[in-house]
Protein backbone atom coordinates (compact mmCIF):
# COMPACT_ATOMS: atom_id res chain seq x y z
CA MET A 1 -23.13 231.03 -46.17
CA GLY A 2 -24.60 227.73 -45.07
CA LYS A 3 -24.81 225.89 -41.78
CA ILE A 4 -24.96 222.24 -40.77
CA GLU A 5 -28.18 222.06 -38.77
CA ALA A 6 -27.81 218.38 -37.86
CA ILE A 7 -25.64 215.30 -38.44
CA CYS A 8 -27.44 211.96 -38.30
CA ILE A 9 -26.32 208.33 -38.46
CA SER A 10 -27.82 204.85 -38.24
CA GLU A 11 -26.43 201.34 -37.96
CA LYS A 12 -28.90 199.89 -40.49
CA LYS A 13 -29.97 200.98 -44.00
CA GLY A 14 -33.60 201.94 -44.61
CA THR A 15 -34.15 203.17 -41.07
CA VAL A 16 -34.37 206.57 -39.44
CA LYS A 17 -31.09 208.04 -38.27
CA ARG A 18 -30.33 209.59 -34.91
CA PRO A 19 -28.67 212.98 -34.45
CA VAL A 20 -25.09 213.17 -33.18
CA GLU A 21 -23.14 216.28 -32.18
CA GLU A 22 -20.13 215.40 -34.32
CA ALA A 23 -19.00 212.81 -36.82
CA LEU A 24 -15.78 211.64 -38.40
CA LEU A 25 -15.98 211.62 -42.19
CA VAL A 26 -13.53 209.20 -43.77
CA GLU A 27 -12.15 209.91 -47.24
CA GLU A 28 -13.80 207.78 -49.96
CA PHE A 29 -15.85 205.97 -47.29
CA GLY A 30 -18.41 208.19 -45.52
CA ILE A 31 -19.35 208.75 -41.90
CA ARG A 32 -17.72 206.35 -39.46
CA GLY A 33 -20.46 204.31 -37.80
CA ASP A 34 -23.13 204.95 -40.46
CA ALA A 35 -24.76 202.11 -42.41
CA HIS A 36 -24.39 203.92 -45.75
CA ALA A 37 -20.63 204.34 -45.44
CA GLY A 38 -18.57 202.32 -47.87
CA LYS A 39 -16.68 202.38 -51.16
CA TRP A 40 -19.56 203.60 -53.34
CA HIS A 41 -21.07 206.82 -54.67
CA ARG A 42 -23.77 207.42 -52.01
CA GLN A 43 -21.61 207.74 -48.90
CA ILE A 44 -23.44 210.77 -47.50
CA SER A 45 -27.01 212.00 -47.96
CA ILE A 46 -28.08 215.59 -47.50
CA LEU A 47 -31.41 217.40 -47.23
CA GLY A 48 -32.16 221.09 -47.03
CA TYR A 49 -33.55 222.26 -43.69
CA GLU A 50 -36.15 224.28 -45.56
CA LYS A 51 -37.63 221.13 -47.21
CA ILE A 52 -38.00 219.40 -43.85
CA LYS A 53 -39.56 222.53 -42.34
CA GLU A 54 -42.02 222.71 -45.26
CA PHE A 55 -42.89 219.02 -44.80
CA ASN A 56 -43.58 219.62 -41.10
CA GLU A 57 -45.71 222.68 -41.85
CA GLN A 58 -47.90 220.36 -43.95
CA GLY A 59 -48.40 218.13 -40.89
CA GLY A 60 -45.43 215.77 -41.38
CA LYS A 61 -44.18 215.77 -37.77
CA VAL A 62 -40.68 214.53 -38.56
CA GLU A 63 -37.49 215.01 -36.59
CA ASP A 64 -33.85 215.21 -37.65
CA GLY A 65 -32.82 211.94 -39.30
CA ASP A 66 -36.35 210.63 -39.90
CA PHE A 67 -35.84 210.56 -43.68
CA GLY A 68 -32.55 208.71 -43.29
CA GLU A 69 -30.52 211.81 -44.15
CA ASN A 70 -26.98 212.26 -42.84
CA LEU A 71 -26.72 216.02 -43.05
CA ILE A 72 -29.38 218.70 -42.75
CA VAL A 73 -28.15 222.04 -44.06
CA SER A 74 -29.54 225.55 -44.23
CA GLY A 75 -28.43 228.59 -46.20
CA ILE A 76 -27.38 226.57 -49.26
CA ASP A 77 -29.40 226.22 -52.44
CA VAL A 78 -29.67 222.42 -52.24
CA ASP A 79 -32.06 222.42 -55.24
CA GLY A 80 -29.32 224.10 -57.29
CA LEU A 81 -26.65 221.47 -56.57
CA ALA A 82 -25.58 219.41 -59.58
CA VAL A 83 -23.52 216.25 -59.94
CA GLY A 84 -19.87 217.26 -59.62
CA ASP A 85 -20.50 220.29 -57.36
CA ARG A 86 -18.48 220.38 -54.18
CA LEU A 87 -19.25 221.49 -50.64
CA LEU A 88 -16.65 222.55 -48.10
CA ALA A 89 -17.10 222.35 -44.31
CA GLY A 90 -13.90 223.01 -42.39
CA GLU A 91 -11.36 220.57 -43.80
CA VAL A 92 -14.04 218.27 -45.23
CA ILE A 93 -14.75 218.27 -48.98
CA LEU A 94 -17.86 216.54 -50.31
CA GLU A 95 -18.76 216.00 -53.98
CA VAL A 96 -22.31 215.59 -55.32
CA THR A 97 -22.66 212.21 -57.05
CA GLN A 98 -26.42 211.80 -57.42
CA ARG A 99 -29.69 213.74 -57.13
CA GLY A 100 -32.64 211.76 -55.79
CA LYS A 101 -33.00 208.01 -55.81
CA GLU A 102 -35.45 205.29 -56.66
CA CYS A 103 -37.24 203.70 -53.73
CA HIS A 104 -37.62 200.02 -54.50
CA SER A 105 -40.05 199.38 -51.64
CA HIS A 106 -41.68 201.40 -48.94
CA CYS A 107 -38.96 201.78 -46.33
CA GLU A 108 -39.47 202.18 -42.60
CA ILE A 109 -39.49 205.93 -43.10
CA TYR A 110 -42.38 205.77 -45.58
CA LYS A 111 -44.34 203.40 -43.35
CA ARG A 112 -43.95 205.64 -40.31
CA VAL A 113 -44.28 209.08 -41.93
CA GLY A 114 -46.46 208.19 -44.96
CA LYS A 115 -44.08 209.77 -47.43
CA CYS A 116 -40.36 209.94 -48.07
CA ILE A 117 -38.78 213.00 -49.65
CA MET A 118 -35.36 211.43 -50.24
CA PRO A 119 -36.31 210.13 -53.73
CA THR A 120 -37.02 213.67 -54.94
CA GLU A 121 -35.16 215.98 -52.54
CA GLY A 122 -32.17 213.93 -51.40
CA ILE A 123 -28.68 214.73 -52.63
CA PHE A 124 -25.95 212.11 -52.38
CA LEU A 125 -22.25 212.77 -52.02
CA ARG A 126 -18.90 211.12 -51.64
CA VAL A 127 -16.19 212.21 -49.21
CA VAL A 128 -13.28 213.69 -51.20
CA ARG A 129 -11.38 214.78 -48.09
CA GLY A 130 -12.28 213.61 -44.61
CA GLY A 131 -12.30 215.26 -41.23
CA THR A 132 -14.58 216.01 -38.30
CA LEU A 133 -17.92 217.75 -38.74
CA ARG A 134 -19.99 219.24 -35.95
CA ALA A 135 -23.56 220.48 -35.79
CA ASN A 136 -23.58 224.25 -36.43
CA ASP A 137 -20.41 224.14 -38.56
CA GLU A 138 -20.33 226.40 -41.59
CA ILE A 139 -20.75 224.73 -44.99
CA ILE A 140 -20.30 226.43 -48.36
CA ARG A 141 -20.20 225.59 -52.04
CA ALA A 142 -16.56 225.21 -53.02
């Protein structure tokens, strides 16, 4: 059983996100108030808590949202997620649409932290069914 460790949003793409206690996920759009929301396939980004912890243990000194991730989750095999897999958190259903991404230029995250793990570790999803998510909510593979 997994857990949502943090929910993060930002008003501008390519920047760090700030943690929020709860967020409204809108079907086929993303998180209300987040720069990545819209009618496309990368509405939500997710990172495993374990990957961030490992990065910090190597001297990374990052906080929730520093990689531009929307959701940080624990207790789920994020590495094992494939395109088409679904996650369920309360009434919310998310579907994996992409693994990793190409970084076209060094974003603010790279410049500040010296490395970005989103290109290799990030998972991107679309909102199949919306609803409210809160930090500490349970999240499972559907």
